Amino acid sequence: MCNMNSMEMIDCVRCGAAMPKLRLTKFGYDFCVNCSTERPKVGISVTLGSGDNTANTIQVITSEQYDSLKKQEELNKKVKFGDAES
């Protein structure tokens, strides 16, 4: 595990803040995490199959996909329990 205090730091080309040089040399990013436009990913638990033939896995999805999934789940609950809007 790396200790942030012992890491070589460089300046972010966008904001000038200190960032690990490893971010540039290993991953090719010349800007810091705070300047990134990428949103976090989300992991959801998925169960496949039924009965005695089931398997569990984790699906990694974007934040946008997760928001859409949660919205659809809420709509499904409303339909199931008769609270859906016409």
PDB file of N, CA and C in Angstrom:
ATOM      1  N   MET A   1       0.851  -1.183   0.000  1.00  0.00           N
ATOM      2  CA  MET A   1       0.000   0.000   0.000  1.00  0.00           C
ATOM      3  C   MET A   1       0.894   1.243   0.000  1.00  0.00           C
ATOM      4  N   CYS A   2       0.532   2.241  -0.771  1.00  0.00           N
ATOM      5  CA  CYS A   2       1.317   3.465  -0.881  1.00  0.00           C
ATOM      6  C   CYS A   2       0.945   4.438   0.218  1.00  0.00           C
ATOM      7  N   ASN A   3       1.960   5.119   0.731  1.00  0.00           N
ATOM      8  CA  ASN A   3       1.750   6.168   1.709  1.00  0.00           C
ATOM      9  C   ASN A   3       1.766   7.493   0.948  1.00  0.00           C
ATOM     10  N   MET A   4       0.660   8.254   1.036  1.00  0.00           N
ATOM     11  CA  MET A   4       0.560   9.518   0.294  1.00  0.00           C
ATOM     12  C   MET A   4       1.690  10.479   0.638  1.00  0.00           C
ATOM     13  N   ASN A   5       2.220  10.406   1.863  1.00  0.00           N
ATOM     14  CA  ASN A   5       3.295  11.317   2.266  1.00  0.00           C
ATOM     15  C   ASN A   5       4.610  11.002   1.559  1.00  0.00           C
ATOM     16  N   SER A   6       4.787   9.755   1.112  1.00  0.00           N
ATOM     17  CA  SER A   6       6.043   9.378   0.465  1.00  0.00           C
ATOM     18  C   SER A   6       5.937   9.356  -1.060  1.00  0.00           C
ATOM     19  N   MET A   7       4.771   9.664  -1.608  1.00  0.00           N
ATOM     20  CA  MET A   7       4.591   9.645  -3.055  1.00  0.00           C
ATOM     21  C   MET A   7       5.138  10.918  -3.692  1.00  0.00           C
ATOM     22  N   GLU A   8       5.722  10.756  -4.875  1.00  0.00           N
ATOM     23  CA  GLU A   8       6.183  11.924  -5.630  1.00  0.00           C
ATOM     24  C   GLU A   8       4.960  12.631  -6.210  1.00  0.00           C
ATOM     25  N   MET A   9       4.891  13.935  -6.024  1.00  0.00           N
ATOM     26  CA  MET A   9       3.726  14.697  -6.459  1.00  0.00           C
ATOM     27  C   MET A   9       4.108  15.626  -7.611  1.00  0.00           C
ATOM     28  N   ILE A  10       3.108  15.896  -8.468  1.00  0.00           N
ATOM     29  CA  ILE A  10       3.251  16.858  -9.555  1.00  0.00           C
ATOM     30  C   ILE A  10       2.028  17.768  -9.530  1.00  0.00           C
ATOM     31  N   ASP A  11       2.058  18.835 -10.320  1.00  0.00           N
ATOM     32  CA  ASP A  11       0.923  19.755 -10.374  1.00  0.00           C
ATOM     33  C   ASP A  11      -0.088  19.304 -11.425  1.00  0.00           C
ATOM     34  N   CYS A  12      -1.361  19.428 -11.092  1.00  0.00           N
ATOM     35  CA  CYS A  12      -2.449  19.180 -12.033  1.00  0.00           C
ATOM     36  C   CYS A  12      -2.388  20.269 -13.107  1.00  0.00           C
ATOM     37  N   VAL A  13      -2.519  19.886 -14.378  1.00  0.00           N
ATOM     38  CA  VAL A  13      -2.439  20.867 -15.462  1.00  0.00           C
ATOM     39  C   VAL A  13      -3.669  21.764 -15.519  1.00  0.00           C
ATOM     40  N   ARG A  14      -4.771  21.333 -14.924  1.00  0.00           N
ATOM     41  CA  ARG A  14      -6.001  22.124 -14.967  1.00  0.00           C
ATOM     42  C   ARG A  14      -6.125  23.117 -13.820  1.00  0.00           C
ATOM     43  N   CYS A  15      -5.853  22.650 -12.588  1.00  0.00           N
ATOM     44  CA  CYS A  15      -6.069  23.537 -11.432  1.00  0.00           C
ATOM     45  C   CYS A  15      -4.799  23.864 -10.660  1.00  0.00           C
ATOM     46  N   GLY A  16      -3.719  23.144 -10.937  1.00  0.00           N
ATOM     47  CA  GLY A  16      -2.456  23.409 -10.266  1.00  0.00           C
ATOM     48  C   GLY A  16      -2.290  22.724  -8.924  1.00  0.00           C
ATOM     49  N   ALA A  17      -3.298  21.989  -8.468  1.00  0.00           N
ATOM     50  CA  ALA A  17      -3.202  21.287  -7.186  1.00  0.00           C
ATOM     51  C   ALA A  17      -2.216  20.124  -7.299  1.00  0.00           C
ATOM     52  N   ALA A  18      -1.663  19.734  -6.161  1.00  0.00           N
ATOM     53  CA  ALA A  18      -0.734  18.604  -6.133  1.00  0.00           C
ATOM     54  C   ALA A  18      -1.501  17.312  -6.372  1.00  0.00           C
ATOM     55  N   MET A  19      -0.902  16.435  -7.177  1.00  0.00           N
ATOM     56  CA  MET A  19      -1.482  15.119  -7.438  1.00  0.00           C
ATOM     57  C   MET A  19      -0.345  14.116  -7.564  1.00  0.00           C
ATOM     58  N   PRO A  20      -0.603  12.832  -7.304  1.00  0.00           N
ATOM     59  CA  PRO A  20       0.460  11.828  -7.415  1.00  0.00           C
ATOM     60  C   PRO A  20       0.972  11.704  -8.851  1.00  0.00           C
ATOM     61  N   LYS A  21       2.281  11.675  -9.006  1.00  0.00           N
ATOM     62  CA  LYS A  21       2.889  11.506 -10.325  1.00  0.00           C
ATOM     63  C   LYS A  21       2.476  10.165 -10.934  1.00  0.00           C
ATOM     64  N   LEU A  22       2.223   9.188 -10.088  1.00  0.00           N
ATOM     65  CA  LEU A  22       1.798   7.865 -10.535  1.00  0.00           C
ATOM     66  C   LEU A  22       0.514   7.940 -11.362  1.00  0.00           C
ATOM     67  N   ARG A  23      -0.349   8.900 -11.071  1.00  0.00           N
ATOM     68  CA  ARG A  23      -1.590   9.066 -11.841  1.00  0.00           C
ATOM     69  C   ARG A  23      -1.267   9.367 -13.313  1.00  0.00           C
ATOM     70  N   LEU A  24      -0.184  10.108 -13.565  1.00  0.00           N
ATOM     71  CA  LEU A  24       0.238  10.422 -14.930  1.00  0.00           C
ATOM     72  C   LEU A  24       1.018   9.259 -15.547  1.00  0.00           C
ATOM     73  N   THR A  25       2.001   8.752 -14.829  1.00  0.00           N
ATOM     74  CA  THR A  25       2.887   7.746 -15.417  1.00  0.00           C
ATOM     75  C   THR A  25       2.210   6.388 -15.611  1.00  0.00           C
ATOM     76  N   LYS A  26       1.339   5.990 -14.693  1.00  0.00           N
ATOM     77  CA  LYS A  26       0.713   4.674 -14.797  1.00  0.00           C
ATOM     78  C   LYS A  26      -0.613   4.707 -15.556  1.00  0.00           C
ATOM     79  N   PHE A  27      -1.381   5.785 -15.382  1.00  0.00           N
ATOM     80  CA  PHE A  27      -2.726   5.826 -15.956  1.00  0.00           C
ATOM     81  C   PHE A  27      -2.893   6.858 -17.066  1.00  0.00           C
ATOM     82  N   GLY A  28      -1.917   7.744 -17.239  1.00  0.00           N
ATOM     83  CA  GLY A  28      -1.952   8.701 -18.343  1.00  0.00           C
ATOM     84  C   GLY A  28      -2.784   9.956 -18.106  1.00  0.00           C
ATOM     85  N   TYR A  29      -3.215  10.196 -16.866  1.00  0.00           N
ATOM     86  CA  TYR A  29      -4.014  11.386 -16.563  1.00  0.00           C
ATOM     87  C   TYR A  29      -3.103  12.523 -16.108  1.00  0.00           C
ATOM     88  N   ASP A  30      -3.212  13.684 -16.767  1.00  0.00           N
ATOM     89  CA  ASP A  30      -2.401  14.829 -16.358  1.00  0.00           C
ATOM     90  C   ASP A  30      -3.208  15.815 -15.504  1.00  0.00           C
ATOM     91  N   PHE A  31      -4.402  15.381 -15.072  1.00  0.00           N
ATOM     92  CA  PHE A  31      -5.241  16.208 -14.204  1.00  0.00           C
ATOM     93  C   PHE A  31      -5.653  15.391 -12.982  1.00  0.00           C
ATOM     94  N   CYS A  32      -6.001  16.097 -11.919  1.00  0.00           N
ATOM     95  CA  CYS A  32      -6.314  15.446 -10.652  1.00  0.00           C
ATOM     96  C   CYS A  32      -7.738  14.893 -10.621  1.00  0.00           C
ATOM     97  N   VAL A  33      -8.042  14.123  -9.607  1.00  0.00           N
ATOM     98  CA  VAL A  33      -9.369  13.518  -9.444  1.00  0.00           C
ATOM     99  C   VAL A  33     -10.434  14.602  -9.331  1.00  0.00           C
ATOM    100  N   ASN A  34     -10.134  15.690  -8.657  1.00  0.00           N
ATOM    101  CA  ASN A  34     -11.119  16.769  -8.498  1.00  0.00           C
ATOM    102  C   ASN A  34     -11.474  17.439  -9.822  1.00  0.00           C
ATOM    103  N   CYS A  35     -10.578  17.403 -10.787  1.00  0.00           N
ATOM    104  CA  CYS A  35     -10.843  18.005 -12.105  1.00  0.00           C
ATOM    105  C   CYS A  35     -11.490  17.018 -13.073  1.00  0.00           C
ATOM    106  N   SER A  36     -11.583  15.763 -12.686  1.00  0.00           N
ATOM    107  CA  SER A  36     -12.157  14.741 -13.550  1.00  0.00           C
ATOM    108  C   SER A  36     -13.652  14.975 -13.743  1.00  0.00           C
ATOM    109  N   THR A  37     -14.139  14.679 -14.935  1.00  0.00           N
ATOM    110  CA  THR A  37     -15.568  14.785 -15.213  1.00  0.00           C
ATOM    111  C   THR A  37     -16.254  13.420 -15.116  1.00  0.00           C
ATOM    112  N   GLU A  38     -15.483  12.393 -14.853  1.00  0.00           N
ATOM    113  CA  GLU A  38     -16.030  11.036 -14.726  1.00  0.00           C
ATOM    114  C   GLU A  38     -16.747  10.892 -13.386  1.00  0.00           C
ATOM    115  N   ARG A  39     -17.978  10.366 -13.427  1.00  0.00           N
ATOM    116  CA  ARG A  39     -18.732  10.139 -12.198  1.00  0.00           C
ATOM    117  C   ARG A  39     -18.383   8.769 -11.626  1.00  0.00           C
ATOM    118  N   PRO A  40     -18.585   8.592 -10.324  1.00  0.00           N
ATOM    119  CA  PRO A  40     -18.276   7.289  -9.712  1.00  0.00           C
ATOM    120  C   PRO A  40     -19.109   6.159 -10.306  1.00  0.00           C
ATOM    121  N   LYS A  41     -18.554   4.974 -10.262  1.00  0.00           N
ATOM    122  CA  LYS A  41     -19.267   3.767 -10.681  1.00  0.00           C
ATOM    123  C   LYS A  41     -19.972   3.186  -9.454  1.00  0.00           C
ATOM    124  N   VAL A  42     -20.969   2.331  -9.702  1.00  0.00           N
ATOM    125  CA  VAL A  42     -21.746   1.710  -8.642  1.00  0.00           C
ATOM    126  C   VAL A  42     -21.771   0.207  -8.888  1.00  0.00           C
ATOM    127  N   GLY A  43     -21.657  -0.580  -7.831  1.00  0.00           N
ATOM    128  CA  GLY A  43     -21.767  -2.027  -7.941  1.00  0.00           C
ATOM    129  C   GLY A  43     -23.101  -2.475  -7.379  1.00  0.00           C
ATOM    130  N   ILE A  44     -23.816  -3.297  -8.139  1.00  0.00           N
ATOM    131  CA  ILE A  44     -25.083  -3.836  -7.645  1.00  0.00           C
ATOM    132  C   ILE A  44     -24.997  -5.357  -7.611  1.00  0.00           C
ATOM    133  N   SER A  45     -25.651  -5.950  -6.631  1.00  0.00           N
ATOM    134  CA  SER A  45     -25.691  -7.396  -6.488  1.00  0.00           C
ATOM    135  C   SER A  45     -26.740  -7.956  -7.436  1.00  0.00           C
ATOM    136  N   VAL A  46     -26.372  -9.014  -8.167  1.00  0.00           N
ATOM    137  CA  VAL A  46     -27.285  -9.635  -9.128  1.00  0.00           C
ATOM    138  C   VAL A  46     -27.353 -11.128  -8.824  1.00  0.00           C
ATOM    139  N   THR A  47     -28.576 -11.675  -8.749  1.00  0.00           N
ATOM    140  CA  THR A  47     -28.778 -13.107  -8.580  1.00  0.00           C
ATOM    141  C   THR A  47     -29.315 -13.669  -9.882  1.00  0.00           C
ATOM    142  N   LEU A  48     -28.645 -14.674 -10.408  1.00  0.00           N
ATOM    143  CA  LEU A  48     -29.026 -15.307 -11.665  1.00  0.00           C
ATOM    144  C   LEU A  48     -29.589 -16.695 -11.394  1.00  0.00           C
ATOM    145  N   GLY A  49     -30.526 -17.136 -12.219  1.00  0.00           N
ATOM    146  CA  GLY A  49     -31.095 -18.466 -12.076  1.00  0.00           C
ATOM    147  C   GLY A  49     -32.215 -18.495 -11.058  1.00  0.00           C
ATOM    148  N   SER A  50     -32.645 -19.717 -10.712  1.00  0.00           N
ATOM    149  CA  SER A  50     -33.716 -19.881  -9.725  1.00  0.00           C
ATOM    150  C   SER A  50     -33.600 -21.247  -9.059  1.00  0.00           C
ATOM    151  N   GLY A  51     -34.280 -21.386  -7.941  1.00  0.00           N
ATOM    152  CA  GLY A  51     -34.269 -22.660  -7.224  1.00  0.00           C
ATOM    153  C   GLY A  51     -32.879 -23.047  -6.766  1.00  0.00           C
ATOM    154  N   ASP A  52     -32.512 -24.298  -7.054  1.00  0.00           N
ATOM    155  CA  ASP A  52     -31.189 -24.812  -6.649  1.00  0.00           C
ATOM    156  C   ASP A  52     -30.074 -24.371  -7.581  1.00  0.00           C
ATOM    157  N   ASN A  53     -30.427 -23.738  -8.695  1.00  0.00           N
ATOM    158  CA  ASN A  53     -29.439 -23.337  -9.700  1.00  0.00           C
ATOM    159  C   ASN A  53     -29.293 -21.817  -9.735  1.00  0.00           C
ATOM    160  N   THR A  54     -28.764 -21.244  -8.649  1.00  0.00           N
ATOM    161  CA  THR A  54     -28.582 -19.797  -8.603  1.00  0.00           C
ATOM    162  C   THR A  54     -27.103 -19.447  -8.496  1.00  0.00           C
ATOM    163  N   ALA A  55     -26.792 -18.266  -8.930  1.00  0.00           N
ATOM    164  CA  ALA A  55     -25.435 -17.732  -8.821  1.00  0.00           C
ATOM    165  C   ALA A  55     -25.542 -16.248  -8.512  1.00  0.00           C
ATOM    166  N   ASN A  56     -24.650 -15.762  -7.687  1.00  0.00           N
ATOM    167  CA  ASN A  56     -24.606 -14.339  -7.352  1.00  0.00           C
ATOM    168  C   ASN A  56     -23.378 -13.710  -7.983  1.00  0.00           C
ATOM    169  N   THR A  57     -23.541 -12.488  -8.446  1.00  0.00           N
ATOM    170  CA  THR A  57     -22.431 -11.750  -9.038  1.00  0.00           C
ATOM    171  C   THR A  57     -22.626 -10.270  -8.743  1.00  0.00           C
ATOM    172  N   ILE A  58     -21.650  -9.477  -9.088  1.00  0.00           N
ATOM    173  CA  ILE A  58     -21.739  -8.020  -8.937  1.00  0.00           C
ATOM    174  C   ILE A  58     -21.627  -7.401 -10.317  1.00  0.00           C
ATOM    175  N   GLN A  59     -22.537  -6.504 -10.636  1.00  0.00           N
ATOM    176  CA  GLN A  59     -22.527  -5.792 -11.913  1.00  0.00           C
ATOM    177  C   GLN A  59     -22.088  -4.351 -11.648  1.00  0.00           C
ATOM    178  N   VAL A  60     -21.068  -3.897 -12.338  1.00  0.00           N
ATOM    179  CA  VAL A  60     -20.601  -2.514 -12.209  1.00  0.00           C
ATOM    180  C   VAL A  60     -21.306  -1.676 -13.264  1.00  0.00           C
ATOM    181  N   ILE A  61     -21.959  -0.593 -12.821  1.00  0.00           N
ATOM    182  CA  ILE A  61     -22.721   0.264 -13.730  1.00  0.00           C
ATOM    183  C   ILE A  61     -22.376   1.724 -13.456  1.00  0.00           C
ATOM    184  N   THR A  62     -22.750   2.594 -14.376  1.00  0.00           N
ATOM    185  CA  THR A  62     -22.507   4.022 -14.192  1.00  0.00           C
ATOM    186  C   THR A  62     -23.509   4.596 -13.196  1.00  0.00           C
ATOM    187  N   SER A  63     -23.220   5.761 -12.674  1.00  0.00           N
ATOM    188  CA  SER A  63     -24.137   6.439 -11.755  1.00  0.00           C
ATOM    189  C   SER A  63     -25.464   6.733 -12.439  1.00  0.00           C
ATOM    190  N   GLU A  64     -25.408   7.079 -13.719  1.00  0.00           N
ATOM    191  CA  GLU A  64     -26.628   7.364 -14.469  1.00  0.00           C
ATOM    192  C   GLU A  64     -27.500   6.116 -14.592  1.00  0.00           C
ATOM    193  N   GLN A  65     -26.873   4.973 -14.864  1.00  0.00           N
ATOM    194  CA  GLN A  65     -27.624   3.723 -14.958  1.00  0.00           C
ATOM    195  C   GLN A  65     -28.253   3.368 -13.612  1.00  0.00           C
ATOM    196  N   TYR A  66     -27.504   3.591 -12.542  1.00  0.00           N
ATOM    197  CA  TYR A  66     -28.014   3.314 -11.200  1.00  0.00           C
ATOM    198  C   TYR A  66     -29.217   4.201 -10.883  1.00  0.00           C
ATOM    199  N   ASP A  67     -29.119   5.484 -11.198  1.00  0.00           N
ATOM    200  CA  ASP A  67     -30.243   6.408 -10.955  1.00  0.00           C
ATOM    201  C   ASP A  67     -31.480   5.956 -11.726  1.00  0.00           C
ATOM    202  N   SER A  68     -31.302   5.538 -12.965  1.00  0.00           N
ATOM    203  CA  SER A  68     -32.402   5.070 -13.792  1.00  0.00           C
ATOM    204  C   SER A  68     -33.007   3.785 -13.217  1.00  0.00           C
ATOM    205  N   LEU A  69     -32.164   2.884 -12.761  1.00  0.00           N
ATOM    206  CA  LEU A  69     -32.624   1.629 -12.161  1.00  0.00           C
ATOM    207  C   LEU A  69     -33.457   1.900 -10.914  1.00  0.00           C
ATOM    208  N   LYS A  70     -32.994   2.790 -10.056  1.00  0.00           N
ATOM    209  CA  LYS A  70     -33.723   3.119  -8.831  1.00  0.00           C
ATOM    210  C   LYS A  70     -35.066   3.766  -9.151  1.00  0.00           C
ATOM    211  N   LYS A  71     -35.094   4.627 -10.149  1.00  0.00           N
ATOM    212  CA  LYS A  71     -36.345   5.271 -10.552  1.00  0.00           C
ATOM    213  C   LYS A  71     -37.341   4.222 -11.051  1.00  0.00           C
ATOM    214  N   GLN A  72     -36.845   3.263 -11.851  1.00  0.00           N
ATOM    215  CA  GLN A  72     -37.716   2.206 -12.361  1.00  0.00           C
ATOM    216  C   GLN A  72     -38.219   1.311 -11.234  1.00  0.00           C
ATOM    217  N   GLU A  73     -37.372   1.018 -10.249  1.00  0.00           N
ATOM    218  CA  GLU A  73     -37.797   0.211  -9.107  1.00  0.00           C
ATOM    219  C   GLU A  73     -38.918   0.900  -8.332  1.00  0.00           C
ATOM    220  N   GLU A  74     -38.795   2.214  -8.160  1.00  0.00           N
ATOM    221  CA  GLU A  74     -39.841   2.965  -7.459  1.00  0.00           C
ATOM    222  C   GLU A  74     -41.155   2.934  -8.242  1.00  0.00           C
ATOM    223  N   LEU A  75     -41.082   3.079  -9.566  1.00  0.00           N
ATOM    224  CA  LEU A  75     -42.284   3.001 -10.398  1.00  0.00           C
ATOM    225  C   LEU A  75     -42.921   1.617 -10.309  1.00  0.00           C
ATOM    226  N   ASN A  76     -42.087   0.578 -10.303  1.00  0.00           N
ATOM    227  CA  ASN A  76     -42.603  -0.794 -10.202  1.00  0.00           C
ATOM    228  C   ASN A  76     -43.312  -1.017  -8.877  1.00  0.00           C
ATOM    229  N   LYS A  77     -42.801  -0.459  -7.777  1.00  0.00           N
ATOM    230  CA  LYS A  77     -43.449  -0.575  -6.468  1.00  0.00           C
ATOM    231  C   LYS A  77     -44.821   0.090  -6.500  1.00  0.00           C
ATOM    232  N   LYS A  78     -44.901   1.258  -7.119  1.00  0.00           N
ATOM    233  CA  LYS A  78     -46.171   1.977  -7.188  1.00  0.00           C
ATOM    234  C   LYS A  78     -47.198   1.177  -7.985  1.00  0.00           C
ATOM    235  N   VAL A  79     -46.786   0.570  -9.082  1.00  0.00           N
ATOM    236  CA  VAL A  79     -47.694  -0.230  -9.897  1.00  0.00           C
ATOM    237  C   VAL A  79     -48.133  -1.468  -9.115  1.00  0.00           C
ATOM    238  N   LYS A  80     -47.189  -2.118  -8.456  1.00  0.00           N
ATOM    239  CA  LYS A  80     -47.470  -3.344  -7.708  1.00  0.00           C
ATOM    240  C   LYS A  80     -48.473  -3.095  -6.582  1.00  0.00           C
ATOM    241  N   PHE A  81     -48.343  -1.952  -5.909  1.00  0.00           N
ATOM    242  CA  PHE A  81     -49.183  -1.662  -4.757  1.00  0.00           C
ATOM    243  C   PHE A  81     -50.341  -0.695  -5.091  1.00  0.00           C
ATOM    244  N   GLY A  82     -50.538  -0.411  -6.366  1.00  0.00           N
ATOM    245  CA  GLY A  82     -51.677   0.389  -6.778  1.00  0.00           C
ATOM    246  C   GLY A  82     -51.544   1.880  -6.554  1.00  0.00           C
ATOM    247  N   ASP A  83     -50.320   2.387  -6.437  1.00  0.00           N
ATOM    248  CA  ASP A  83     -50.110   3.818  -6.216  1.00  0.00           C
ATOM    249  C   ASP A  83     -49.668   4.539  -7.469  1.00  0.00           C
ATOM    250  N   ALA A  84     -49.707   3.892  -8.613  1.00  0.00           N
ATOM    251  CA  ALA A  84     -49.207   4.506  -9.843  1.00  0.00           C
ATOM    252  C   ALA A  84     -50.102   5.679 -10.259  1.00  0.00           C
ATOM    253  N   GLU A  85     -49.465   6.705 -10.770  1.00  0.00           N
ATOM    254  CA  GLU A  85     -50.209   7.857 -11.274  1.00  0.00           C
ATOM    255  C   GLU A  85     -50.691   7.552 -12.682  1.00  0.00           C
ATOM    256  N   SER A  86     -51.874   8.031 -13.012  1.00  0.00           N
ATOM    257  CA  SER A  86     -52.436   7.772 -14.341  1.00  0.00           C
ATOM    258  C   SER A  86     -51.782   8.612 -15.387  1.00  0.00           C
TER     259      SER A  86
END
